[in-house]
Amino acid sequence: MRKDENTPFAGSSPAMRTIFQLSLASTAWCYSSRQMKINRIQNLLLISLLALSGCAHQYVMTLTNGTRITAASKPKLEGGNYYFKDAAGRASSVPAGRVREISASSMASDEKSKFKPPPVK
């Protein structure tokens, strides 16, 4: 059995065998096990960063009297009250009847007063 018979280019020209061997050597150099581990770690860090940043939302609760409360967690309705953690991280609750709107802080709009006092002459 000749040495060339185990290669994919068995019986081909020496130039083709040389090109094949060079391509294998360059592929092995590009994808060394160390580089693959580094790439895997970088990809995992990037994915976890994207996942965590997407989950970190603040919510704005607008009450019936116009007061706005910023919540660090999404308010949950349980037994007629909304339970949430406020901006300082303390557990709080508000009766559901007092809440007019709950929205993500990125979607909350600033309310403009509908009543404008007449200008002073």
N, C-alpha and C. Protein backbone atom coordinates (compact mmCIF):
# COMPACT_ATOMS: atom_id res chain seq x y z
N MET A 1 0.85 -1.18 0.00
CA MET A 1 0.00 0.00 0.00
C MET A 1 0.89 1.24 0.00
N ARG A 2 0.61 2.11 -0.95
CA ARG A 2 1.40 3.33 -1.04
C ARG A 2 0.89 4.37 -0.05
N LYS A 3 1.74 5.30 0.29
CA LYS A 3 1.41 6.36 1.23
C LYS A 3 0.30 7.27 0.67
N ASP A 4 0.27 7.46 -0.64
CA ASP A 4 -0.69 8.36 -1.27
C ASP A 4 -2.12 7.82 -1.27
N GLU A 5 -2.32 6.56 -1.08
CA GLU A 5 -3.64 5.97 -1.23
C GLU A 5 -4.62 6.38 -0.14
N ASN A 6 -4.15 6.91 0.97
CA ASN A 6 -5.03 7.31 2.08
C ASN A 6 -5.53 8.74 1.95
N THR A 7 -4.98 9.50 1.03
CA THR A 7 -5.39 10.89 0.87
C THR A 7 -6.56 10.98 -0.09
N PRO A 8 -7.36 12.04 -0.03
CA PRO A 8 -8.47 12.19 -0.96
C PRO A 8 -8.01 12.33 -2.41
N PHE A 9 -6.77 12.76 -2.60
CA PHE A 9 -6.26 12.96 -3.95
C PHE A 9 -5.31 11.84 -4.35
N ALA A 10 -5.61 10.61 -3.97
CA ALA A 10 -4.75 9.48 -4.32
C ALA A 10 -4.67 9.34 -5.83
N GLY A 11 -3.47 9.20 -6.32
CA GLY A 11 -3.26 9.04 -7.75
C GLY A 11 -3.24 10.35 -8.51
N SER A 12 -3.39 11.50 -7.83
CA SER A 12 -3.36 12.78 -8.52
C SER A 12 -1.93 13.29 -8.61
N SER A 13 -1.79 14.43 -9.22
CA SER A 13 -0.45 14.98 -9.43
C SER A 13 0.14 15.47 -8.11
N PRO A 14 1.49 15.54 -8.05
CA PRO A 14 2.14 16.05 -6.84
C PRO A 14 1.73 17.48 -6.52
N ALA A 15 1.42 18.28 -7.53
CA ALA A 15 1.00 19.66 -7.28
C ALA A 15 -0.33 19.69 -6.54
N MET A 16 -1.28 18.84 -6.92
CA MET A 16 -2.57 18.79 -6.24
C MET A 16 -2.41 18.33 -4.79
N ARG A 17 -1.54 17.36 -4.57
CA ARG A 17 -1.31 16.89 -3.20
C ARG A 17 -0.70 18.00 -2.36
N THR A 18 0.21 18.78 -2.93
CA THR A 18 0.84 19.88 -2.20
C THR A 18 -0.19 20.94 -1.84
N ILE A 19 -1.06 21.28 -2.77
CA ILE A 19 -2.11 22.27 -2.51
C ILE A 19 -3.03 21.78 -1.41
N PHE A 20 -3.41 20.50 -1.44
CA PHE A 20 -4.28 19.93 -0.42
C PHE A 20 -3.61 19.98 0.96
N GLN A 21 -2.32 19.63 1.01
CA GLN A 21 -1.60 19.64 2.28
C GLN A 21 -1.47 21.06 2.83
N LEU A 22 -1.24 22.03 1.94
CA LEU A 22 -1.14 23.42 2.38
C LEU A 22 -2.48 23.93 2.91
N SER A 23 -3.56 23.54 2.25
CA SER A 23 -4.87 23.98 2.73
C SER A 23 -5.19 23.38 4.09
N LEU A 24 -4.80 22.13 4.32
CA LEU A 24 -5.00 21.52 5.64
C LEU A 24 -4.18 22.23 6.70
N ALA A 25 -2.94 22.57 6.37
CA ALA A 25 -2.07 23.25 7.33
C ALA A 25 -2.61 24.63 7.67
N SER A 26 -3.11 25.37 6.67
CA SER A 26 -3.63 26.70 6.95
C SER A 26 -4.92 26.63 7.76
N THR A 27 -5.77 25.62 7.50
CA THR A 27 -7.00 25.45 8.26
C THR A 27 -6.68 25.11 9.71
N ALA A 28 -5.70 24.25 9.92
CA ALA A 28 -5.33 23.88 11.28
C ALA A 28 -4.77 25.09 12.03
N TRP A 29 -4.06 25.97 11.32
CA TRP A 29 -3.50 27.13 11.98
C TRP A 29 -4.61 28.12 12.36
N CYS A 30 -5.59 28.30 11.48
CA CYS A 30 -6.67 29.26 11.75
C CYS A 30 -7.57 28.80 12.89
N TYR A 31 -7.83 27.54 12.97
CA TYR A 31 -8.77 27.03 13.97
C TYR A 31 -8.06 26.18 15.01
N SER A 32 -7.06 26.73 15.65
CA SER A 32 -6.40 25.98 16.70
C SER A 32 -7.36 25.84 17.87
N SER A 33 -7.13 24.87 18.69
CA SER A 33 -8.06 24.62 19.80
C SER A 33 -8.09 25.80 20.76
N ARG A 34 -6.97 26.47 20.93
CA ARG A 34 -6.94 27.64 21.82
C ARG A 34 -7.80 28.77 21.26
N GLN A 35 -7.67 29.01 19.97
CA GLN A 35 -8.46 30.06 19.34
C GLN A 35 -9.94 29.73 19.38
N MET A 36 -10.27 28.46 19.20
CA MET A 36 -11.68 28.06 19.25
C MET A 36 -12.25 28.27 20.64
N LYS A 37 -11.47 28.00 21.68
CA LYS A 37 -11.94 28.22 23.05
C LYS A 37 -12.15 29.71 23.31
N ILE A 38 -11.23 30.53 22.82
CA ILE A 38 -11.37 31.97 23.00
C ILE A 38 -12.61 32.47 22.28
N ASN A 39 -12.83 32.00 21.05
CA ASN A 39 -14.02 32.42 20.30
C ASN A 39 -15.29 31.97 21.00
N ARG A 40 -15.30 30.78 21.54
CA ARG A 40 -16.48 30.26 22.24
C ARG A 40 -16.77 31.11 23.48
N ILE A 41 -15.74 31.47 24.22
CA ILE A 41 -15.93 32.30 25.42
C ILE A 41 -16.44 33.69 25.03
N GLN A 42 -15.88 34.26 23.97
CA GLN A 42 -16.33 35.57 23.51
C GLN A 42 -17.79 35.52 23.08
N ASN A 43 -18.17 34.49 22.37
CA ASN A 43 -19.56 34.36 21.93
C ASN A 43 -20.51 34.20 23.11
N LEU A 44 -20.13 33.40 24.10
CA LEU A 44 -20.97 33.23 25.28
C LEU A 44 -21.13 34.53 26.05
N LEU A 45 -20.06 35.29 26.19
CA LEU A 45 -20.14 36.58 26.88
C LEU A 45 -21.03 37.56 26.13
N LEU A 46 -20.91 37.58 24.82
CA LEU A 46 -21.74 38.47 24.02
C LEU A 46 -23.21 38.10 24.13
N ILE A 47 -23.52 36.83 24.04
CA ILE A 47 -24.91 36.39 24.14
C ILE A 47 -25.49 36.68 25.52
N SER A 48 -24.72 36.42 26.57
CA SER A 48 -25.22 36.68 27.92
C SER A 48 -25.40 38.18 28.16
N LEU A 49 -24.52 39.00 27.63
CA LEU A 49 -24.67 40.45 27.77
C LEU A 49 -25.93 40.94 27.08
N LEU A 50 -26.19 40.44 25.89
CA LEU A 50 -27.40 40.83 25.17
C LEU A 50 -28.66 40.36 25.90
N ALA A 51 -28.61 39.15 26.42
CA ALA A 51 -29.78 38.62 27.12
C ALA A 51 -30.06 39.40 28.40
N LEU A 52 -29.02 39.73 29.15
CA LEU A 52 -29.22 40.44 30.40
C LEU A 52 -29.64 41.88 30.18
N SER A 53 -29.12 42.51 29.17
CA SER A 53 -29.51 43.90 28.93
C SER A 53 -30.94 43.99 28.43
N GLY A 54 -31.41 42.97 27.75
CA GLY A 54 -32.79 42.96 27.28
C GLY A 54 -33.79 42.74 28.39
N CYS A 55 -33.38 42.15 29.50
CA CYS A 55 -34.28 41.84 30.60
C CYS A 55 -34.34 42.93 31.66
N ALA A 56 -33.44 43.87 31.62
CA ALA A 56 -33.37 44.90 32.65
C ALA A 56 -34.25 46.08 32.26
N HIS A 57 -35.52 46.04 32.67
CA HIS A 57 -36.47 47.11 32.35
C HIS A 57 -36.93 47.78 33.64
N GLN A 58 -37.20 49.05 33.53
CA GLN A 58 -37.87 49.76 34.60
C GLN A 58 -39.27 50.08 34.10
N TYR A 59 -40.20 50.11 35.01
CA TYR A 59 -41.59 50.37 34.65
C TYR A 59 -42.06 51.64 35.35
N VAL A 60 -42.94 52.36 34.69
CA VAL A 60 -43.51 53.58 35.24
C VAL A 60 -44.99 53.32 35.46
N MET A 61 -45.43 53.49 36.69
CA MET A 61 -46.85 53.35 37.03
C MET A 61 -47.40 54.75 37.20
N THR A 62 -48.43 55.08 36.44
CA THR A 62 -49.10 56.37 36.56
C THR A 62 -50.37 56.15 37.37
N LEU A 63 -50.49 56.88 38.46
CA LEU A 63 -51.66 56.74 39.33
C LEU A 63 -52.77 57.66 38.85
N THR A 64 -53.96 57.47 39.41
CA THR A 64 -55.12 58.25 38.99
C THR A 64 -54.97 59.73 39.31
N ASN A 65 -54.17 60.08 40.31
CA ASN A 65 -53.97 61.49 40.66
C ASN A 65 -52.81 62.13 39.89
N GLY A 66 -52.20 61.36 38.95
CA GLY A 66 -51.11 61.91 38.14
C GLY A 66 -49.72 61.60 38.66
N THR A 67 -49.62 61.06 39.86
CA THR A 67 -48.32 60.71 40.41
C THR A 67 -47.71 59.56 39.61
N ARG A 68 -46.42 59.65 39.39
CA ARG A 68 -45.72 58.60 38.65
C ARG A 68 -44.74 57.89 39.58
N ILE A 69 -44.80 56.57 39.59
CA ILE A 69 -43.92 55.75 40.42
C ILE A 69 -43.05 54.91 39.50
N THR A 70 -41.74 54.94 39.73
CA THR A 70 -40.82 54.12 38.95
C THR A 70 -40.57 52.83 39.70
N ALA A 71 -40.79 51.70 39.00
CA ALA A 71 -40.60 50.37 39.60
C ALA A 71 -39.42 49.68 38.92
N ALA A 72 -38.59 49.02 39.74
CA ALA A 72 -37.43 48.31 39.20
C ALA A 72 -37.83 46.95 38.64
N SER A 73 -38.99 46.44 39.03
CA SER A 73 -39.47 45.17 38.51
C SER A 73 -40.88 45.36 37.96
N LYS A 74 -41.32 44.41 37.16
CA LYS A 74 -42.66 44.52 36.58
C LYS A 74 -43.69 44.31 37.68
N PRO A 75 -44.64 45.23 37.84
CA PRO A 75 -45.67 45.08 38.87
C PRO A 75 -46.55 43.86 38.60
N LYS A 76 -46.85 43.12 39.67
CA LYS A 76 -47.70 41.93 39.55
C LYS A 76 -49.00 42.16 40.31
N LEU A 77 -50.11 41.85 39.68
CA LEU A 77 -51.42 42.03 40.29
C LEU A 77 -51.77 40.78 41.10
N GLU A 78 -51.95 40.97 42.40
CA GLU A 78 -52.32 39.87 43.29
C GLU A 78 -53.32 40.39 44.30
N GLY A 79 -54.51 39.85 44.24
CA GLY A 79 -55.53 40.19 45.24
C GLY A 79 -55.92 41.66 45.29
N GLY A 80 -55.99 42.34 44.17
CA GLY A 80 -56.43 43.72 44.15
C GLY A 80 -55.33 44.75 44.37
N ASN A 81 -54.08 44.30 44.51
CA ASN A 81 -52.95 45.22 44.68
C ASN A 81 -51.86 44.88 43.67
N TYR A 82 -51.15 45.90 43.24
CA TYR A 82 -49.97 45.69 42.42
C TYR A 82 -48.76 45.64 43.35
N TYR A 83 -47.99 44.56 43.27
CA TYR A 83 -46.78 44.40 44.08
C TYR A 83 -45.58 44.56 43.15
N PHE A 84 -44.58 45.32 43.62
CA PHE A 84 -43.40 45.60 42.80
C PHE A 84 -42.25 46.00 43.72
N LYS A 85 -41.07 46.09 43.15
CA LYS A 85 -39.91 46.64 43.86
C LYS A 85 -39.67 48.03 43.32
N ASP A 86 -39.55 48.99 44.22
CA ASP A 86 -39.35 50.37 43.77
C ASP A 86 -37.90 50.58 43.31
N ALA A 87 -37.57 51.80 42.93
CA ALA A 87 -36.26 52.11 42.39
C ALA A 87 -35.14 51.84 43.39
N ALA A 88 -35.43 51.91 44.68
CA ALA A 88 -34.43 51.64 45.71
C ALA A 88 -34.33 50.15 46.04
N GLY A 89 -35.22 49.32 45.47
CA GLY A 89 -35.17 47.88 45.70
C GLY A 89 -36.08 47.40 46.83
N ARG A 90 -36.87 48.30 47.40
CA ARG A 90 -37.78 47.92 48.49
C ARG A 90 -39.09 47.38 47.92
N ALA A 91 -39.65 46.37 48.55
CA ALA A 91 -40.94 45.82 48.13
C ALA A 91 -42.04 46.82 48.47
N SER A 92 -42.92 47.10 47.52
CA SER A 92 -44.00 48.06 47.71
C SER A 92 -45.26 47.52 47.06
N SER A 93 -46.38 48.15 47.38
CA SER A 93 -47.64 47.79 46.74
C SER A 93 -48.51 49.02 46.61
N VAL A 94 -49.40 48.96 45.60
CA VAL A 94 -50.35 50.04 45.34
C VAL A 94 -51.68 49.38 45.01
N PRO A 95 -52.79 49.89 45.56
CA PRO A 95 -54.09 49.32 45.20
C PRO A 95 -54.35 49.45 43.69
N ALA A 96 -54.91 48.43 43.11
CA ALA A 96 -55.13 48.40 41.66
C ALA A 96 -56.07 49.52 41.21
N GLY A 97 -56.98 49.95 42.05
CA GLY A 97 -57.91 51.01 41.69
C GLY A 97 -57.24 52.36 41.53
N ARG A 98 -56.07 52.53 42.10
CA ARG A 98 -55.36 53.81 41.99
C ARG A 98 -54.44 53.87 40.78
N VAL A 99 -54.23 52.73 40.10
CA VAL A 99 -53.30 52.69 38.97
C VAL A 99 -54.06 52.95 37.68
N ARG A 100 -53.62 53.97 36.93
CA ARG A 100 -54.23 54.28 35.66
C ARG A 100 -53.49 53.59 34.52
N GLU A 101 -52.14 53.56 34.57
CA GLU A 101 -51.36 53.01 33.47
C GLU A 101 -50.05 52.45 33.99
N ILE A 102 -49.63 51.32 33.39
CA ILE A 102 -48.31 50.75 33.66
C ILE A 102 -47.62 50.60 32.32
N SER A 103 -46.42 51.17 32.18
CA SER A 103 -45.70 51.05 30.92
C SER A 103 -44.21 50.97 31.20
N ALA A 104 -43.47 50.41 30.24
CA ALA A 104 -42.01 50.39 30.35
C ALA A 104 -41.51 51.82 30.30
N SER A 105 -40.43 52.10 31.00
CA SER A 105 -39.95 53.48 31.08
C SER A 105 -39.57 54.02 29.71
N SER A 106 -39.16 53.15 28.81
CA SER A 106 -38.82 53.62 27.47
C SER A 106 -40.07 54.02 26.68
N MET A 107 -41.24 53.49 27.05
CA MET A 107 -42.48 53.78 26.35
C MET A 107 -43.33 54.84 27.06
N ALA A 108 -42.99 55.19 28.27
CA ALA A 108 -43.79 56.16 29.04
C ALA A 108 -43.64 57.55 28.43
N SER A 109 -44.76 58.23 28.30
CA SER A 109 -44.72 59.58 27.76
C SER A 109 -44.96 60.59 28.87
N ASP A 110 -44.36 61.74 28.72
CA ASP A 110 -44.58 62.80 29.69
C ASP A 110 -45.93 63.42 29.41
N GLU A 111 -46.75 63.48 30.44
CA GLU A 111 -48.07 64.07 30.28
C GLU A 111 -47.97 65.58 30.33
N LYS A 112 -48.63 66.20 29.41
CA LYS A 112 -48.72 67.66 29.44
C LYS A 112 -50.05 68.01 30.07
N SER A 113 -50.03 69.03 30.83
CA SER A 113 -51.24 69.44 31.52
C SER A 113 -52.29 69.89 30.51
N LYS A 114 -53.52 69.39 30.67
CA LYS A 114 -54.60 69.79 29.78
C LYS A 114 -55.14 71.17 30.16
N PHE A 115 -54.92 71.55 31.39
CA PHE A 115 -55.42 72.84 31.87
C PHE A 115 -54.28 73.84 31.79
N LYS A 116 -54.51 74.93 31.10
CA LYS A 116 -53.53 76.00 31.04
C LYS A 116 -54.17 77.25 31.63
N PRO A 117 -53.52 77.81 32.62
CA PRO A 117 -54.09 79.03 33.20
C PRO A 117 -54.02 80.17 32.18
N PRO A 118 -54.98 81.07 32.26
CA PRO A 118 -54.96 82.19 31.32
C PRO A 118 -53.74 83.06 31.55
N PRO A 119 -53.19 83.63 30.51
CA PRO A 119 -52.02 84.49 30.67
C PRO A 119 -52.34 85.73 31.51
N VAL A 120 -51.41 86.18 32.28
CA VAL A 120 -51.58 87.35 33.13
C VAL A 120 -51.33 88.59 32.28
N LYS A 121 -52.28 89.59 32.39
CA LYS A 121 -52.15 90.81 31.60
C LYS A 121 -51.42 91.87 32.35
